[in-house]
C-alpha atoms as a PDB file:
ATOM      1  CA  MET A   1      10.864  -3.203 -35.093  1.00  0.00           C
ATOM      2  CA  LYS A   2       9.980  -2.513 -38.661  1.00  0.00           C
ATOM      3  CA  LEU A   3      12.924  -4.617 -39.944  1.00  0.00           C
ATOM      4  CA  LEU A   4      11.608  -7.894 -38.588  1.00  0.00           C
ATOM      5  CA  ASP A   5       7.954  -7.302 -39.445  1.00  0.00           C
ATOM      6  CA  TRP A   6       7.014 -10.646 -41.000  1.00  0.00           C
ATOM      7  CA  ARG A   7       3.489  -9.704 -42.088  1.00  0.00           C
ATOM      8  CA  ASN A   8       4.344  -6.732 -44.299  1.00  0.00           C
ATOM      9  CA  LYS A   9       7.086  -8.377 -46.387  1.00  0.00           C
ATOM     10  CA  THR A  10       6.813  -9.884 -49.829  1.00  0.00           C
ATOM     11  CA  TRP A  11       7.836 -13.497 -50.398  1.00  0.00           C
ATOM     12  CA  ARG A  12      11.250 -12.340 -51.626  1.00  0.00           C
ATOM     13  CA  GLY A  13      11.822 -10.305 -48.501  1.00  0.00           C
ATOM     14  CA  ARG A  14      10.804 -13.233 -46.323  1.00  0.00           C
ATOM     15  CA  ALA A  15      13.041 -15.622 -48.272  1.00  0.00           C
ATOM     16  CA  LEU A  16      16.009 -13.236 -47.993  1.00  0.00           C
ATOM     17  CA  MET A  17      15.393 -12.826 -44.268  1.00  0.00           C
ATOM     18  CA  VAL A  18      15.282 -16.600 -43.713  1.00  0.00           C
ATOM     19  CA  ALA A  19      18.319 -17.200 -45.952  1.00  0.00           C
ATOM     20  CA  SER A  20      20.356 -14.539 -44.204  1.00  0.00           C
ATOM     21  CA  GLY A  21      19.470 -16.001 -40.818  1.00  0.00           C
ATOM     22  CA  VAL A  22      20.494 -19.472 -41.944  1.00  0.00           C
ATOM     23  CA  ILE A  23      23.770 -18.176 -43.392  1.00  0.00           C
ATOM     24  CA  ILE A  24      24.624 -16.304 -40.196  1.00  0.00           C
ATOM     25  CA  ILE A  25      23.809 -19.357 -38.061  1.00  0.00           C
ATOM     26  CA  LEU A  26      25.933 -21.604 -40.300  1.00  0.00           C
ATOM     27  CA  LEU A  27      28.835 -19.168 -40.250  1.00  0.00           C
ATOM     28  CA  ALA A  28      28.656 -18.675 -36.505  1.00  0.00           C
ATOM     29  CA  SER A  29      28.452 -22.391 -35.744  1.00  0.00           C
ATOM     30  CA  HIS A  30      31.376 -23.436 -37.946  1.00  0.00           C
ATOM     31  CA  PRO A  31      34.635 -23.096 -35.988  1.00  0.00           C
ATOM     32  CA  GLU A  32      36.725 -21.919 -38.949  1.00  0.00           C
ATOM     33  CA  LEU A  33      34.119 -19.600 -40.437  1.00  0.00           C
ATOM     34  CA  ARG A  34      32.955 -17.930 -37.214  1.00  0.00           C
ATOM     35  CA  LEU A  35      35.542 -15.206 -37.769  1.00  0.00           C
ATOM     36  CA  LEU A  36      33.679 -14.172 -40.930  1.00  0.00           C
ATOM     37  CA  VAL A  37      30.636 -13.044 -38.948  1.00  0.00           C
ATOM     38  CA  PRO A  38      32.142  -9.611 -38.044  1.00  0.00           C
ATOM     39  CA  LEU A  39      33.236  -9.190 -41.674  1.00  0.00           C
ATOM     40  CA  VAL A  40      29.736  -9.955 -42.901  1.00  0.00           C
ATOM     41  CA  ASP A  41      28.367  -7.548 -40.308  1.00  0.00           C
ATOM     42  CA  ALA A  42      30.779  -4.806 -41.388  1.00  0.00           C
ATOM     43  CA  LEU A  43      30.411  -5.213 -45.157  1.00  0.00           C
ATOM     44  CA  GLY A  44      26.786  -6.115 -45.219  1.00  0.00           C
ATOM     45  CA  LEU A  45      25.071  -9.356 -46.038  1.00  0.00           C
ATOM     46  CA  ASP A  46      24.219  -8.330 -49.599  1.00  0.00           C
ATOM     47  CA  LEU A  47      27.894  -8.048 -50.574  1.00  0.00           C
ATOM     48  CA  PHE A  48      28.660 -11.422 -48.997  1.00  0.00           C
ATOM     49  CA  ILE A  49      25.755 -13.060 -50.843  1.00  0.00           C
ATOM     50  CA  PHE A  50      26.911 -11.388 -54.077  1.00  0.00           C
ATOM     51  CA  LEU A  51      30.388 -12.901 -53.653  1.00  0.00           C
ATOM     52  CA  LEU A  52      28.922 -16.336 -52.910  1.00  0.00           C
ATOM     53  CA  GLY A  53      26.688 -16.005 -55.956  1.00  0.00           C
ATOM     54  CA  ALA A  54      29.637 -15.066 -58.163  1.00  0.00           C
ATOM     55  CA  GLN A  55      31.521 -18.154 -57.021  1.00  0.00           C
ATOM     56  CA  ALA A  56      28.463 -20.349 -57.540  1.00  0.00           C
ATOM     57  CA  TRP A  57      27.985 -18.917 -61.052  1.00  0.00           C
ATOM     58  CA  GLU A  58      31.578 -19.776 -61.973  1.00  0.00           C
ATOM     59  CA  GLN A  59      30.876 -23.365 -60.960  1.00  0.00           C
ATOM     60  CA  PHE A  60      27.503 -23.480 -62.736  1.00  0.00           C
ATOM     61  CA  LYS A  61      28.525 -21.703 -65.964  1.00  0.00           C
ATOM     62  CA  PRO A  62      29.748 -24.835 -67.867  1.00  0.00           C
ATOM     63  CA  VAL A  63      26.548 -26.680 -66.981  1.00  0.00           C
ATOM     64  CA  ALA A  64      24.434 -23.701 -68.077  1.00  0.00           C
ATOM     65  CA  ALA A  65      26.306 -23.465 -71.383  1.00  0.00           C
ATOM     66  CA  MET A  66      25.812 -27.179 -72.025  1.00  0.00           C
ATOM     67  CA  LEU A  67      22.099 -26.931 -71.187  1.00  0.00           C
ATOM     68  CA  TYR A  68      21.794 -23.963 -73.525  1.00  0.00           C
ATOM     69  CA  ARG A  69      23.426 -25.869 -76.404  1.00  0.00           C
ATOM     70  CA  VAL A  70      21.584 -29.143 -75.805  1.00  0.00           C
ATOM     71  CA  VAL A  71      18.142 -28.012 -74.624  1.00  0.00           C
ATOM     72  CA  VAL A  72      17.389 -24.327 -75.138  1.00  0.00           C
ATOM     73  CA  ARG A  73      18.642 -23.801 -78.701  1.00  0.00           C
ATOM     74  CA  PRO A  74      16.901 -26.887 -80.186  1.00  0.00           C
ATOM     75  CA  ALA A  75      13.701 -26.052 -78.295  1.00  0.00           C
ATOM     76  CA  GLY A  76      13.896 -22.465 -79.539  1.00  0.00           C
ATOM     77  CA  ARG A  77      14.364 -23.638 -83.108  1.00  0.00           C
ATOM     78  CA  ASN A  78      11.352 -25.949 -82.814  1.00  0.00           C
ATOM     79  CA  ILE A  79       9.175 -23.227 -81.317  1.00  0.00           C
ATOM     80  CA  TYR A  80      10.294 -20.759 -83.999  1.00  0.00           C
ATOM     81  CA  SER A  81       9.622 -23.274 -86.791  1.00  0.00           C
ATOM     82  CA  THR A  82       6.182 -24.035 -85.354  1.00  0.00           C
ATOM     83  CA  ALA A  83       5.358 -20.325 -85.108  1.00  0.00           C
ATOM     84  CA  ILE A  84       6.452 -19.740 -88.717  1.00  0.00           C
ATOM     85  CA  PHE A  85       4.356 -22.761 -89.784  1.00  0.00           C
ATOM     86  CA  PHE A  86       1.267 -21.266 -88.140  1.00  0.00           C
ATOM     87  CA  PHE A  87       1.695 -18.061 -90.127  1.00  0.00           C
ATOM     88  CA  GLY A  88       0.729 -20.131 -93.167  1.00  0.00           C
ATOM     89  CA  TYR A  89       1.526 -18.627 -96.546  1.00  0.00           C
ATOM     90  CA  LEU A  90       2.943 -15.530 -94.791  1.00  0.00           C
ATOM     91  CA  GLY A  91       5.519 -17.679 -92.978  1.00  0.00           C
ATOM     92  CA  PRO A  92       8.401 -17.149 -95.441  1.00  0.00           C
ATOM     93  CA  TYR A  93       7.740 -13.399 -95.448  1.00  0.00           C
ATOM     94  CA  VAL A  94       7.740 -13.222 -91.630  1.00  0.00           C
ATOM     95  CA  HIS A  95      10.902 -15.337 -91.483  1.00  0.00           C
ATOM     96  CA  ALA A  96      12.647 -13.049 -93.972  1.00  0.00           C
ATOM     97  CA  ARG A  97      11.605  -9.938 -92.038  1.00  0.00           C
ATOM     98  CA  ILE A  98      12.803 -11.390 -88.743  1.00  0.00           C
ATOM     99  CA  SER A  99      16.100 -12.646 -90.123  1.00  0.00           C
ATOM    100  CA  THR A 100      16.928  -9.343 -91.860  1.00  0.00           C
ATOM    101  CA  SER A 101      16.064  -7.330 -88.754  1.00  0.00           C
ATOM    102  CA  ILE A 102      18.251  -9.605 -86.641  1.00  0.00           C
ATOM    103  CA  ARG A 103      21.128  -9.343 -89.113  1.00  0.00           C
ATOM    104  CA  GLY A 104      20.780  -5.558 -89.144  1.00  0.00           C
ATOM    105  CA  TYR A 105      20.756  -5.497 -85.348  1.00  0.00           C
ATOM    106  CA  ARG A 106      23.905  -7.590 -85.148  1.00  0.00           C
ATOM    107  CA  LEU A 107      25.687  -5.306 -87.618  1.00  0.00           C
ATOM    108  CA  ALA A 108      24.670  -2.242 -85.623  1.00  0.00           C
ATOM    109  CA  LEU A 109      26.347  -3.606 -82.514  1.00  0.00           C
END
């Protein structure tokens, strides 16, 4: 069977194969969720994983937004300031070029 050929898969293919096996085993062993196994078989595992991922994203979105505000934006500002500093006397010119191109891009949207 070409589908279960373990040696010719990439690490993503192997991880998806293992994850799908674990999900099917968990669904089949749970007494209330065992009725979902035919649904997953009919719709396909990718759609089921997409729905689970959408639900997980709705739970994770507030945490991701907080991490973005607290960690990513300040780190980005520090990295940007350091990069502008390393441009030396051209730093203000580079900053002006970047900020005007970003402003123009935002207006074009």
